[in-house]
PDB file of N, CA and C in Angstrom:
ATOM      1  N   UNK A   1      55.430 -39.171 -21.137  1.00  0.00           N
ATOM      2  CA  UNK A   1      54.487 -38.972 -20.068  1.00  0.00           C
ATOM      3  C   UNK A   1      53.286 -39.874 -20.268  1.00  0.00           C
ATOM      4  N   UNK A   2      52.898 -40.518 -19.213  1.00  0.00           N
ATOM      5  CA  UNK A   2      51.709 -41.357 -19.303  1.00  0.00           C
ATOM      6  C   UNK A   2      50.565 -40.689 -18.553  1.00  0.00           C
ATOM      7  N   UNK A   3      49.421 -40.782 -19.143  1.00  0.00           N
ATOM      8  CA  UNK A   3      48.233 -40.203 -18.504  1.00  0.00           C
ATOM      9  C   UNK A   3      47.774 -41.135 -17.397  1.00  0.00           C
ATOM     10  N   UNK A   4      47.440 -40.565 -16.284  1.00  0.00           N
ATOM     11  CA  UNK A   4      46.933 -41.384 -15.190  1.00  0.00           C
ATOM     12  C   UNK A   4      45.420 -41.391 -15.245  1.00  0.00           C
ATOM     13  N   UNK A   5      44.879 -42.546 -14.952  1.00  0.00           N
ATOM     14  CA  UNK A   5      43.435 -42.696 -14.944  1.00  0.00           C
ATOM     15  C   UNK A   5      42.872 -42.002 -13.708  1.00  0.00           C
ATOM     16  N   UNK A   6      41.773 -41.309 -13.862  1.00  0.00           N
ATOM     17  CA  UNK A   6      41.155 -40.731 -12.669  1.00  0.00           C
ATOM     18  C   UNK A   6      40.616 -41.841 -11.772  1.00  0.00           C
ATOM     19  N   UNK A   7      40.669 -41.616 -10.485  1.00  0.00           N
ATOM     20  CA  UNK A   7      40.184 -42.602  -9.534  1.00  0.00           C
ATOM     21  C   UNK A   7      38.667 -42.705  -9.678  1.00  0.00           C
ATOM     22  N   UNK A   8      38.134 -43.935  -9.752  1.00  0.00           N
ATOM     23  CA  UNK A   8      36.684 -44.079  -9.869  1.00  0.00           C
ATOM     24  C   UNK A   8      35.980 -43.456  -8.662  1.00  0.00           C
ATOM     25  N   UNK A   9      34.823 -42.913  -8.935  1.00  0.00           N
ATOM     26  CA  UNK A   9      34.017 -42.333  -7.872  1.00  0.00           C
ATOM     27  C   UNK A   9      33.420 -43.474  -7.050  1.00  0.00           C
ATOM     28  N   UNK A  10      33.397 -43.317  -5.742  1.00  0.00           N
ATOM     29  CA  UNK A  10      32.842 -44.350  -4.873  1.00  0.00           C
ATOM     30  C   UNK A  10      31.345 -44.487  -5.124  1.00  0.00           C
ATOM     31  N   UNK A  11      30.875 -45.716  -5.302  1.00  0.00           N
ATOM     32  CA  UNK A  11      29.444 -45.911  -5.548  1.00  0.00           C
ATOM     33  C   UNK A  11      28.550 -45.260  -4.488  1.00  0.00           C
ATOM     34  N   UNK A  12      28.964 -45.299  -3.234  1.00  0.00           N
ATOM     35  CA  UNK A  12      28.130 -44.685  -2.185  1.00  0.00           C
ATOM     36  C   UNK A  12      28.036 -43.171  -2.350  1.00  0.00           C
ATOM     37  N   UNK A  13      29.089 -42.549  -2.855  1.00  0.00           N
ATOM     38  CA  UNK A  13      29.031 -41.107  -3.097  1.00  0.00           C
ATOM     39  C   UNK A  13      28.020 -40.789  -4.196  1.00  0.00           C
ATOM     40  N   UNK A  14      28.014 -41.613  -5.233  1.00  0.00           N
ATOM     41  CA  UNK A  14      27.075 -41.414  -6.332  1.00  0.00           C
ATOM     42  C   UNK A  14      25.659 -41.772  -5.868  1.00  0.00           C
ATOM     43  N   UNK A  15      25.554 -42.783  -5.008  1.00  0.00           N
ATOM     44  CA  UNK A  15      24.253 -43.147  -4.445  1.00  0.00           C
ATOM     45  C   UNK A  15      23.669 -41.975  -3.652  1.00  0.00           C
ATOM     46  N   UNK A  16      24.495 -41.263  -2.922  1.00  0.00           N
ATOM     47  CA  UNK A  16      24.013 -40.106  -2.158  1.00  0.00           C
ATOM     48  C   UNK A  16      23.407 -39.060  -3.094  1.00  0.00           C
ATOM     49  N   UNK A  17      24.038 -38.852  -4.237  1.00  0.00           N
ATOM     50  CA  UNK A  17      23.493 -37.913  -5.229  1.00  0.00           C
ATOM     51  C   UNK A  17      22.173 -38.446  -5.784  1.00  0.00           C
ATOM     52  N   UNK A  18      22.100 -39.742  -6.033  1.00  0.00           N
ATOM     53  CA  UNK A  18      20.854 -40.362  -6.491  1.00  0.00           C
ATOM     54  C   UNK A  18      19.743 -40.143  -5.466  1.00  0.00           C
ATOM     55  N   UNK A  19      20.049 -40.377  -4.189  1.00  0.00           N
ATOM     56  CA  UNK A  19      19.031 -40.239  -3.147  1.00  0.00           C
ATOM     57  C   UNK A  19      18.530 -38.797  -3.032  1.00  0.00           C
ATOM     58  N   UNK A  20      19.416 -37.838  -3.228  1.00  0.00           N
ATOM     59  CA  UNK A  20      18.981 -36.437  -3.231  1.00  0.00           C
ATOM     60  C   UNK A  20      18.028 -36.186  -4.393  1.00  0.00           C
ATOM     61  N   UNK A  21      18.341 -36.743  -5.544  1.00  0.00           N
ATOM     62  CA  UNK A  21      17.487 -36.582  -6.724  1.00  0.00           C
ATOM     63  C   UNK A  21      16.144 -37.273  -6.506  1.00  0.00           C
ATOM     64  N   UNK A  22      16.168 -38.459  -5.926  1.00  0.00           N
ATOM     65  CA  UNK A  22      14.950 -39.244  -5.729  1.00  0.00           C
ATOM     66  C   UNK A  22      14.060 -38.660  -4.639  1.00  0.00           C
ATOM     67  N   UNK A  23      14.614 -37.865  -3.756  1.00  0.00           N
ATOM     68  CA  UNK A  23      13.846 -37.317  -2.639  1.00  0.00           C
ATOM     69  C   UNK A  23      12.860 -36.242  -3.068  1.00  0.00           C
ATOM     70  N   UNK A  24      13.050 -35.657  -4.235  1.00  0.00           N
ATOM     71  CA  UNK A  24      12.213 -34.527  -4.637  1.00  0.00           C
ATOM     72  C   UNK A  24      10.772 -34.922  -4.944  1.00  0.00           C
ATOM     73  N   UNK A  25      10.551 -36.133  -5.451  1.00  0.00           N
ATOM     74  CA  UNK A  25       9.201 -36.556  -5.782  1.00  0.00           C
ATOM     75  C   UNK A  25       8.612 -35.756  -6.930  1.00  0.00           C
ATOM     76  N   UNK A  26       7.276 -35.921  -7.141  1.00  0.00           N
ATOM     77  CA  UNK A  26       6.610 -35.208  -8.225  1.00  0.00           C
ATOM     78  C   UNK A  26       5.139 -35.012  -7.888  1.00  0.00           C
ATOM     79  N   UNK A  27       4.489 -34.142  -8.654  1.00  0.00           N
ATOM     80  CA  UNK A  27       3.097 -33.800  -8.348  1.00  0.00           C
ATOM     81  C   UNK A  27       2.106 -34.097  -9.471  1.00  0.00           C
ATOM     82  N   UNK A  28       2.517 -34.000 -10.714  1.00  0.00           N
ATOM     83  CA  UNK A  28       1.611 -34.264 -11.833  1.00  0.00           C
ATOM     84  C   UNK A  28       2.369 -35.027 -12.914  1.00  0.00           C
ATOM     85  N   UNK A  29       1.674 -35.376 -13.987  1.00  0.00           N
ATOM     86  CA  UNK A  29       2.277 -36.225 -15.025  1.00  0.00           C
ATOM     87  C   UNK A  29       3.535 -35.605 -15.631  1.00  0.00           C
ATOM     88  N   UNK A  30       3.480 -34.326 -15.977  1.00  0.00           N
ATOM     89  CA  UNK A  30       4.661 -33.688 -16.567  1.00  0.00           C
ATOM     90  C   UNK A  30       5.813 -33.649 -15.573  1.00  0.00           C
ATOM     91  N   UNK A  31       5.507 -33.286 -14.337  1.00  0.00           N
ATOM     92  CA  UNK A  31       6.521 -33.240 -13.283  1.00  0.00           C
ATOM     93  C   UNK A  31       7.087 -34.639 -13.042  1.00  0.00           C
ATOM     94  N   UNK A  32       6.212 -35.646 -13.039  1.00  0.00           N
ATOM     95  CA  UNK A  32       6.674 -37.023 -12.811  1.00  0.00           C
ATOM     96  C   UNK A  32       7.538 -37.529 -13.961  1.00  0.00           C
ATOM     97  N   UNK A  33       7.219 -37.112 -15.182  1.00  0.00           N
ATOM     98  CA  UNK A  33       8.056 -37.489 -16.322  1.00  0.00           C
ATOM     99  C   UNK A  33       9.470 -36.956 -16.137  1.00  0.00           C
ATOM    100  N   UNK A  34       9.564 -35.686 -15.798  1.00  0.00           N
ATOM    101  CA  UNK A  34      10.882 -35.072 -15.588  1.00  0.00           C
ATOM    102  C   UNK A  34      11.594 -35.708 -14.394  1.00  0.00           C
ATOM    103  N   UNK A  35      10.849 -35.933 -13.321  1.00  0.00           N
ATOM    104  CA  UNK A  35      11.414 -36.549 -12.121  1.00  0.00           C
ATOM    105  C   UNK A  35      11.960 -37.940 -12.424  1.00  0.00           C
ATOM    106  N   UNK A  36      11.165 -38.779 -13.097  1.00  0.00           N
ATOM    107  CA  UNK A  36      11.610 -40.144 -13.390  1.00  0.00           C
ATOM    108  C   UNK A  36      12.797 -40.149 -14.346  1.00  0.00           C
ATOM    109  N   UNK A  37      12.831 -39.215 -15.265  1.00  0.00           N
ATOM    110  CA  UNK A  37      13.967 -39.116 -16.181  1.00  0.00           C
ATOM    111  C   UNK A  37      15.234 -38.775 -15.407  1.00  0.00           C
ATOM    112  N   UNK A  38      15.142 -37.807 -14.498  1.00  0.00           N
ATOM    113  CA  UNK A  38      16.315 -37.434 -13.668  1.00  0.00           C
ATOM    114  C   UNK A  38      16.717 -38.574 -12.744  1.00  0.00           C
ATOM    115  N   UNK A  39      15.727 -39.232 -12.155  1.00  0.00           N
ATOM    116  CA  UNK A  39      15.990 -40.331 -11.222  1.00  0.00           C
ATOM    117  C   UNK A  39      16.697 -41.488 -11.935  1.00  0.00           C
ATOM    118  N   UNK A  40      16.222 -41.834 -13.121  1.00  0.00           N
ATOM    119  CA  UNK A  40      16.846 -42.923 -13.872  1.00  0.00           C
ATOM    120  C   UNK A  40      18.257 -42.538 -14.310  1.00  0.00           C
ATOM    121  N   UNK A  41      18.449 -41.305 -14.726  1.00  0.00           N
ATOM    122  CA  UNK A  41      19.791 -40.847 -15.117  1.00  0.00           C
ATOM    123  C   UNK A  41      20.745 -40.909 -13.933  1.00  0.00           C
ATOM    124  N   UNK A  42      20.269 -40.540 -12.754  1.00  0.00           N
ATOM    125  CA  UNK A  42      21.109 -40.610 -11.552  1.00  0.00           C
ATOM    126  C   UNK A  42      21.433 -42.062 -11.207  1.00  0.00           C
ATOM    127  N   UNK A  43      20.462 -42.951 -11.392  1.00  0.00           N
ATOM    128  CA  UNK A  43      20.697 -44.377 -11.124  1.00  0.00           C
ATOM    129  C   UNK A  43      21.720 -44.958 -12.086  1.00  0.00           C
ATOM    130  N   UNK A  44      21.699 -44.524 -13.330  1.00  0.00           N
ATOM    131  CA  UNK A  44      22.686 -44.996 -14.312  1.00  0.00           C
ATOM    132  C   UNK A  44      24.088 -44.580 -13.865  1.00  0.00           C
ATOM    133  N   UNK A  45      24.228 -43.401 -13.289  1.00  0.00           N
ATOM    134  CA  UNK A  45      25.539 -42.979 -12.780  1.00  0.00           C
ATOM    135  C   UNK A  45      25.988 -43.867 -11.629  1.00  0.00           C
ATOM    136  N   UNK A  46      25.047 -44.291 -10.787  1.00  0.00           N
ATOM    137  CA  UNK A  46      25.382 -45.228  -9.704  1.00  0.00           C
ATOM    138  C   UNK A  46      25.851 -46.543 -10.316  1.00  0.00           C
ATOM    139  N   UNK A  47      25.100 -47.028 -11.314  1.00  0.00           N
ATOM    140  CA  UNK A  47      25.493 -48.289 -11.975  1.00  0.00           C
ATOM    141  C   UNK A  47      26.894 -48.191 -12.554  1.00  0.00           C
ATOM    142  N   UNK A  48      27.173 -47.086 -13.225  1.00  0.00           N
ATOM    143  CA  UNK A  48      28.505 -46.910 -13.823  1.00  0.00           C
ATOM    144  C   UNK A  48      29.595 -46.900 -12.758  1.00  0.00           C
ATOM    145  N   UNK A  49      29.327 -46.274 -11.624  1.00  0.00           N
ATOM    146  CA  UNK A  49      30.314 -46.261 -10.536  1.00  0.00           C
ATOM    147  C   UNK A  49      30.517 -47.662  -9.973  1.00  0.00           C
ATOM    148  N   UNK A  50      29.432 -48.424  -9.839  1.00  0.00           N
ATOM    149  CA  UNK A  50      29.548 -49.799  -9.328  1.00  0.00           C
ATOM    150  C   UNK A  50      30.327 -50.661 -10.315  1.00  0.00           C
ATOM    151  N   UNK A  51      30.029 -50.513 -11.601  1.00  0.00           N
ATOM    152  CA  UNK A  51      30.738 -51.297 -12.618  1.00  0.00           C
ATOM    153  C   UNK A  51      32.223 -50.944 -12.632  1.00  0.00           C
ATOM    154  N   UNK A  52      32.539 -49.684 -12.432  1.00  0.00           N
ATOM    155  CA  UNK A  52      33.941 -49.263 -12.433  1.00  0.00           C
ATOM    156  C   UNK A  52      34.684 -49.794 -11.217  1.00  0.00           C
ATOM    157  N   UNK A  53      33.991 -49.918 -10.106  1.00  0.00           N
ATOM    158  CA  UNK A  53      34.669 -50.367  -8.878  1.00  0.00           C
ATOM    159  C   UNK A  53      34.806 -51.889  -8.817  1.00  0.00           C
ATOM    160  N   UNK A  54      33.671 -52.612  -8.983  1.00  0.00           N
ATOM    161  CA  UNK A  54      33.734 -54.069  -8.844  1.00  0.00           C
ATOM    162  C   UNK A  54      32.412 -54.687  -9.303  1.00  0.00           C
ATOM    163  N   UNK A  55      32.390 -55.148 -10.529  1.00  0.00           N
ATOM    164  CA  UNK A  55      31.161 -55.721 -11.093  1.00  0.00           C
ATOM    165  C   UNK A  55      30.650 -56.919 -10.292  1.00  0.00           C
ATOM    166  N   UNK A  56      31.551 -57.710  -9.763  1.00  0.00           N
ATOM    167  CA  UNK A  56      31.124 -58.911  -9.049  1.00  0.00           C
ATOM    168  C   UNK A  56      30.467 -58.555  -7.713  1.00  0.00           C
ATOM    169  N   UNK A  57      31.098 -57.693  -6.945  1.00  0.00           N
ATOM    170  CA  UNK A  57      30.537 -57.297  -5.651  1.00  0.00           C
ATOM    171  C   UNK A  57      29.177 -56.647  -5.820  1.00  0.00           C
ATOM    172  N   UNK A  58      29.040 -55.821  -6.836  1.00  0.00           N
ATOM    173  CA  UNK A  58      27.824 -55.046  -7.047  1.00  0.00           C
ATOM    174  C   UNK A  58      26.885 -55.667  -8.077  1.00  0.00           C
ATOM    175  N   UNK A  59      27.046 -56.946  -8.363  1.00  0.00           N
ATOM    176  CA  UNK A  59      26.253 -57.588  -9.416  1.00  0.00           C
ATOM    177  C   UNK A  59      24.746 -57.416  -9.206  1.00  0.00           C
ATOM    178  N   UNK A  60      24.287 -57.604  -7.987  1.00  0.00           N
ATOM    179  CA  UNK A  60      22.845 -57.514  -7.729  1.00  0.00           C
ATOM    180  C   UNK A  60      22.295 -56.098  -7.960  1.00  0.00           C
ATOM    181  N   UNK A  61      22.868 -55.060  -7.350  1.00  0.00           N
ATOM    182  CA  UNK A  61      22.314 -53.721  -7.608  1.00  0.00           C
ATOM    183  C   UNK A  61      22.550 -53.238  -9.044  1.00  0.00           C
ATOM    184  N   UNK A  62      23.623 -53.691  -9.680  1.00  0.00           N
ATOM    185  CA  UNK A  62      23.815 -53.371 -11.100  1.00  0.00           C
ATOM    186  C   UNK A  62      22.646 -53.952 -11.900  1.00  0.00           C
ATOM    187  N   UNK A  63      22.287 -55.189 -11.586  1.00  0.00           N
ATOM    188  CA  UNK A  63      21.157 -55.835 -12.248  1.00  0.00           C
ATOM    189  C   UNK A  63      19.850 -55.097 -11.999  1.00  0.00           C
ATOM    190  N   UNK A  64      19.688 -54.540 -10.798  1.00  0.00           N
ATOM    191  CA  UNK A  64      18.476 -53.778 -10.494  1.00  0.00           C
ATOM    192  C   UNK A  64      18.374 -52.537 -11.375  1.00  0.00           C
ATOM    193  N   UNK A  65      19.473 -51.828 -11.544  1.00  0.00           N
ATOM    194  CA  UNK A  65      19.452 -50.630 -12.391  1.00  0.00           C
ATOM    195  C   UNK A  65      19.195 -51.024 -13.842  1.00  0.00           C
ATOM    196  N   UNK A  66      19.813 -52.108 -14.281  1.00  0.00           N
ATOM    197  CA  UNK A  66      19.574 -52.562 -15.653  1.00  0.00           C
ATOM    198  C   UNK A  66      18.117 -52.943 -15.852  1.00  0.00           C
ATOM    199  N   UNK A  67      17.494 -53.544 -14.838  1.00  0.00           N
ATOM    200  CA  UNK A  67      16.066 -53.874 -14.917  1.00  0.00           C
ATOM    201  C   UNK A  67      15.235 -52.605 -15.022  1.00  0.00           C
ATOM    202  N   UNK A  68      15.572 -51.585 -14.255  1.00  0.00           N
ATOM    203  CA  UNK A  68      14.854 -50.305 -14.348  1.00  0.00           C
ATOM    204  C   UNK A  68      15.001 -49.718 -15.753  1.00  0.00           C
ATOM    205  N   UNK A  69      16.189 -49.824 -16.316  1.00  0.00           N
ATOM    206  CA  UNK A  69      16.409 -49.323 -17.677  1.00  0.00           C
ATOM    207  C   UNK A  69      15.584 -50.122 -18.691  1.00  0.00           C
ATOM    208  N   UNK A  70      15.512 -51.444 -18.508  1.00  0.00           N
ATOM    209  CA  UNK A  70      14.699 -52.280 -19.406  1.00  0.00           C
ATOM    210  C   UNK A  70      13.215 -51.887 -19.309  1.00  0.00           C
ATOM    211  N   UNK A  71      12.753 -51.667 -18.083  1.00  0.00           N
ATOM    212  CA  UNK A  71      11.358 -51.260 -17.892  1.00  0.00           C
ATOM    213  C   UNK A  71      11.106 -49.905 -18.553  1.00  0.00           C
ATOM    214  N   UNK A  72      12.044 -48.984 -18.390  1.00  0.00           N
ATOM    215  CA  UNK A  72      11.904 -47.655 -19.005  1.00  0.00           C
ATOM    216  C   UNK A  72      11.840 -47.785 -20.525  1.00  0.00           C
ATOM    217  N   UNK A  73      12.670 -48.647 -21.085  1.00  0.00           N
ATOM    218  CA  UNK A  73      12.644 -48.860 -22.533  1.00  0.00           C
ATOM    219  C   UNK A  73      11.331 -49.522 -22.965  1.00  0.00           C
ATOM    220  N   UNK A  74      10.864 -50.469 -22.155  1.00  0.00           N
ATOM    221  CA  UNK A  74       9.621 -51.183 -22.472  1.00  0.00           C
ATOM    222  C   UNK A  74       8.425 -50.228 -22.522  1.00  0.00           C
ATOM    223  N   UNK A  75       8.308 -49.367 -21.512  1.00  0.00           N
ATOM    224  CA  UNK A  75       7.167 -48.453 -21.440  1.00  0.00           C
ATOM    225  C   UNK A  75       7.378 -47.183 -22.261  1.00  0.00           C
ATOM    226  N   UNK A  76       8.609 -46.938 -22.638  1.00  0.00           N
ATOM    227  CA  UNK A  76       8.942 -45.735 -23.399  1.00  0.00           C
ATOM    228  C   UNK A  76       9.485 -44.668 -22.461  1.00  0.00           C
ATOM    229  N   UNK A  77      10.689 -44.264 -22.710  1.00  0.00           N
ATOM    230  CA  UNK A  77      11.327 -43.285 -21.820  1.00  0.00           C
ATOM    231  C   UNK A  77      10.623 -41.941 -21.846  1.00  0.00           C
ATOM    232  N   UNK A  78       9.816 -41.716 -22.856  1.00  0.00           N
ATOM    233  CA  UNK A  78       9.051 -40.467 -22.915  1.00  0.00           C
ATOM    234  C   UNK A  78       7.684 -40.614 -22.254  1.00  0.00           C
ATOM    235  N   UNK A  79       7.458 -41.759 -21.603  1.00  0.00           N
ATOM    236  CA  UNK A  79       6.168 -42.037 -20.972  1.00  0.00           C
ATOM    237  C   UNK A  79       6.347 -42.529 -19.527  1.00  0.00           C
ATOM    238  N   UNK A  80       7.417 -42.115 -18.877  1.00  0.00           N
ATOM    239  CA  UNK A  80       7.715 -42.594 -17.527  1.00  0.00           C
ATOM    240  C   UNK A  80       6.815 -41.976 -16.469  1.00  0.00           C
ATOM    241  N   UNK A  81       6.187 -40.851 -16.775  1.00  0.00           N
ATOM    242  CA  UNK A  81       5.322 -40.194 -15.806  1.00  0.00           C
ATOM    243  C   UNK A  81       3.942 -40.815 -15.711  1.00  0.00           C
ATOM    244  N   UNK A  82       3.618 -41.743 -16.598  1.00  0.00           N
ATOM    245  CA  UNK A  82       2.302 -42.384 -16.566  1.00  0.00           C
ATOM    246  C   UNK A  82       2.149 -43.211 -15.294  1.00  0.00           C
ATOM    247  N   UNK A  83       0.920 -43.305 -14.838  1.00  0.00           N
ATOM    248  CA  UNK A  83       0.624 -43.904 -13.533  1.00  0.00           C
ATOM    249  C   UNK A  83       1.252 -45.286 -13.310  1.00  0.00           C
ATOM    250  N   UNK A  84       1.131 -46.202 -14.231  1.00  0.00           N
ATOM    251  CA  UNK A  84       1.659 -47.546 -14.031  1.00  0.00           C
ATOM    252  C   UNK A  84       3.132 -47.695 -14.372  1.00  0.00           C
ATOM    253  N   UNK A  85       3.666 -46.775 -15.142  1.00  0.00           N
ATOM    254  CA  UNK A  85       5.040 -46.905 -15.616  1.00  0.00           C
ATOM    255  C   UNK A  85       6.054 -46.507 -14.554  1.00  0.00           C
ATOM    256  N   UNK A  86       5.755 -45.487 -13.803  1.00  0.00           N
ATOM    257  CA  UNK A  86       6.674 -44.999 -12.781  1.00  0.00           C
ATOM    258  C   UNK A  86       7.026 -46.091 -11.762  1.00  0.00           C
ATOM    259  N   UNK A  87       6.039 -46.814 -11.204  1.00  0.00           N
ATOM    260  CA  UNK A  87       6.398 -47.879 -10.250  1.00  0.00           C
ATOM    261  C   UNK A  87       7.222 -49.005 -10.880  1.00  0.00           C
ATOM    262  N   UNK A  88       6.965 -49.309 -12.138  1.00  0.00           N
ATOM    263  CA  UNK A  88       7.710 -50.384 -12.807  1.00  0.00           C
ATOM    264  C   UNK A  88       9.194 -50.050 -12.892  1.00  0.00           C
ATOM    265  N   UNK A  89       9.502 -48.769 -13.010  1.00  0.00           N
ATOM    266  CA  UNK A  89      10.899 -48.328 -13.059  1.00  0.00           C
ATOM    267  C   UNK A  89      11.434 -48.121 -11.639  1.00  0.00           C
ATOM    268  N   UNK A  90      10.602 -47.613 -10.758  1.00  0.00           N
ATOM    269  CA  UNK A  90      11.047 -47.292  -9.396  1.00  0.00           C
ATOM    270  C   UNK A  90      11.345 -48.518  -8.539  1.00  0.00           C
ATOM    271  N   UNK A  91      10.571 -49.576  -8.708  1.00  0.00           N
ATOM    272  CA  UNK A  91      10.755 -50.760  -7.851  1.00  0.00           C
ATOM    273  C   UNK A  91      12.174 -51.332  -7.929  1.00  0.00           C
ATOM    274  N   UNK A  92      12.732 -51.553  -9.112  1.00  0.00           N
ATOM    275  CA  UNK A  92      14.110 -52.058  -9.141  1.00  0.00           C
ATOM    276  C   UNK A  92      15.106 -51.066  -8.518  1.00  0.00           C
ATOM    277  N   UNK A  93      14.823 -49.773  -8.657  1.00  0.00           N
ATOM    278  CA  UNK A  93      15.721 -48.770  -8.072  1.00  0.00           C
ATOM    279  C   UNK A  93      15.627 -48.795  -6.550  1.00  0.00           C
ATOM    280  N   UNK A  94      14.449 -49.076  -6.024  1.00  0.00           N
ATOM    281  CA  UNK A  94      14.301 -49.221  -4.578  1.00  0.00           C
ATOM    282  C   UNK A  94      15.082 -50.430  -4.078  1.00  0.00           C
ATOM    283  N   UNK A  95      15.101 -51.503  -4.882  1.00  0.00           N
ATOM    284  CA  UNK A  95      15.890 -52.684  -4.504  1.00  0.00           C
ATOM    285  C   UNK A  95      17.382 -52.353  -4.478  1.00  0.00           C
ATOM    286  N   UNK A  96      17.829 -51.503  -5.427  1.00  0.00           N
ATOM    287  CA  UNK A  96      19.233 -51.080  -5.439  1.00  0.00           C
ATOM    288  C   UNK A  96      19.571 -50.361  -4.139  1.00  0.00           C
ATOM    289  N   UNK A  97      18.732 -49.412  -3.741  1.00  0.00           N
ATOM    290  CA  UNK A  97      18.975 -48.655  -2.519  1.00  0.00           C
ATOM    291  C   UNK A  97      18.959 -49.590  -1.317  1.00  0.00           C
ATOM    292  N   UNK A  98      18.012 -50.521  -1.279  1.00  0.00           N
ATOM    293  CA  UNK A  98      17.931 -51.481  -0.175  1.00  0.00           C
ATOM    294  C   UNK A  98      19.196 -52.330  -0.091  1.00  0.00           C
ATOM    295  N   UNK A  99      19.768 -52.706  -1.225  1.00  0.00           N
ATOM    296  CA  UNK A  99      20.996 -53.503  -1.220  1.00  0.00           C
ATOM    297  C   UNK A  99      22.100 -52.747  -0.478  1.00  0.00           C
ATOM    298  N   UNK A 100      22.248 -51.464  -0.743  1.00  0.00           N
ATOM    299  CA  UNK A 100      23.273 -50.688  -0.062  1.00  0.00           C
ATOM    300  C   UNK A 100      23.025 -50.626   1.443  1.00  0.00           C
ATOM    301  N   UNK A 101      21.769 -50.567   1.835  1.00  0.00           N
ATOM    302  CA  UNK A 101      21.454 -50.548   3.272  1.00  0.00           C
ATOM    303  C   UNK A 101      21.782 -51.888   3.922  1.00  0.00           C
ATOM    304  N   UNK A 102      21.583 -52.971   3.177  1.00  0.00           N
ATOM    305  CA  UNK A 102      21.832 -54.314   3.699  1.00  0.00           C
ATOM    306  C   UNK A 102      23.308 -54.704   3.622  1.00  0.00           C
ATOM    307  N   UNK A 103      24.081 -53.993   2.845  1.00  0.00           N
ATOM    308  CA  UNK A 103      25.502 -54.301   2.644  1.00  0.00           C
ATOM    309  C   UNK A 103      26.340 -53.055   2.924  1.00  0.00           C
ATOM    310  N   UNK A 104      26.528 -52.740   4.190  1.00  0.00           N
ATOM    311  CA  UNK A 104      27.277 -51.510   4.517  1.00  0.00           C
ATOM    312  C   UNK A 104      28.709 -51.511   3.998  1.00  0.00           C
ATOM    313  N   UNK A 105      29.241 -52.681   3.690  1.00  0.00           N
ATOM    314  CA  UNK A 105      30.606 -52.756   3.164  1.00  0.00           C
ATOM    315  C   UNK A 105      30.651 -52.389   1.701  1.00  0.00           C
ATOM    316  N   UNK A 106      29.497 -52.395   1.027  1.00  0.00           N
ATOM    317  CA  UNK A 106      29.423 -52.154  -0.411  1.00  0.00           C
ATOM    318  C   UNK A 106      29.615 -50.725  -0.806  1.00  0.00           C
TER     319      UNK A 106
END
C-alpha cells in the first residue's frame, strides 16, 4: 500500500483565513503584540500553501511574506506590538494581499 499525499490547500482558501485574522486589529501594545503574532503566523500558512502549489507563479507574494518574516526577526518577534515595528511587518503583508487582488487567477 502506498500512502497518498494530501492535496495541497488552495492559497486563496488560506488567504481567506489570513484576512479573517488580520481583520480583528488591536487596541494597545499587548493586544497588538498578540495580533501581529497571529497575523504573521497566518501569513506563513499562506506562504506555505503558495510554495506547495507553485513557487514560480507565487514568487512575488512569497517574497512579501518572507520580507515580513525578516522584518519580524529584525525587530524581534517579541516586540511586534511596538509602534514602528508593526507597520514594518504589515506593509509586506499588505503587498501580498494586493497581489491576490491584482491576480485573480492566482
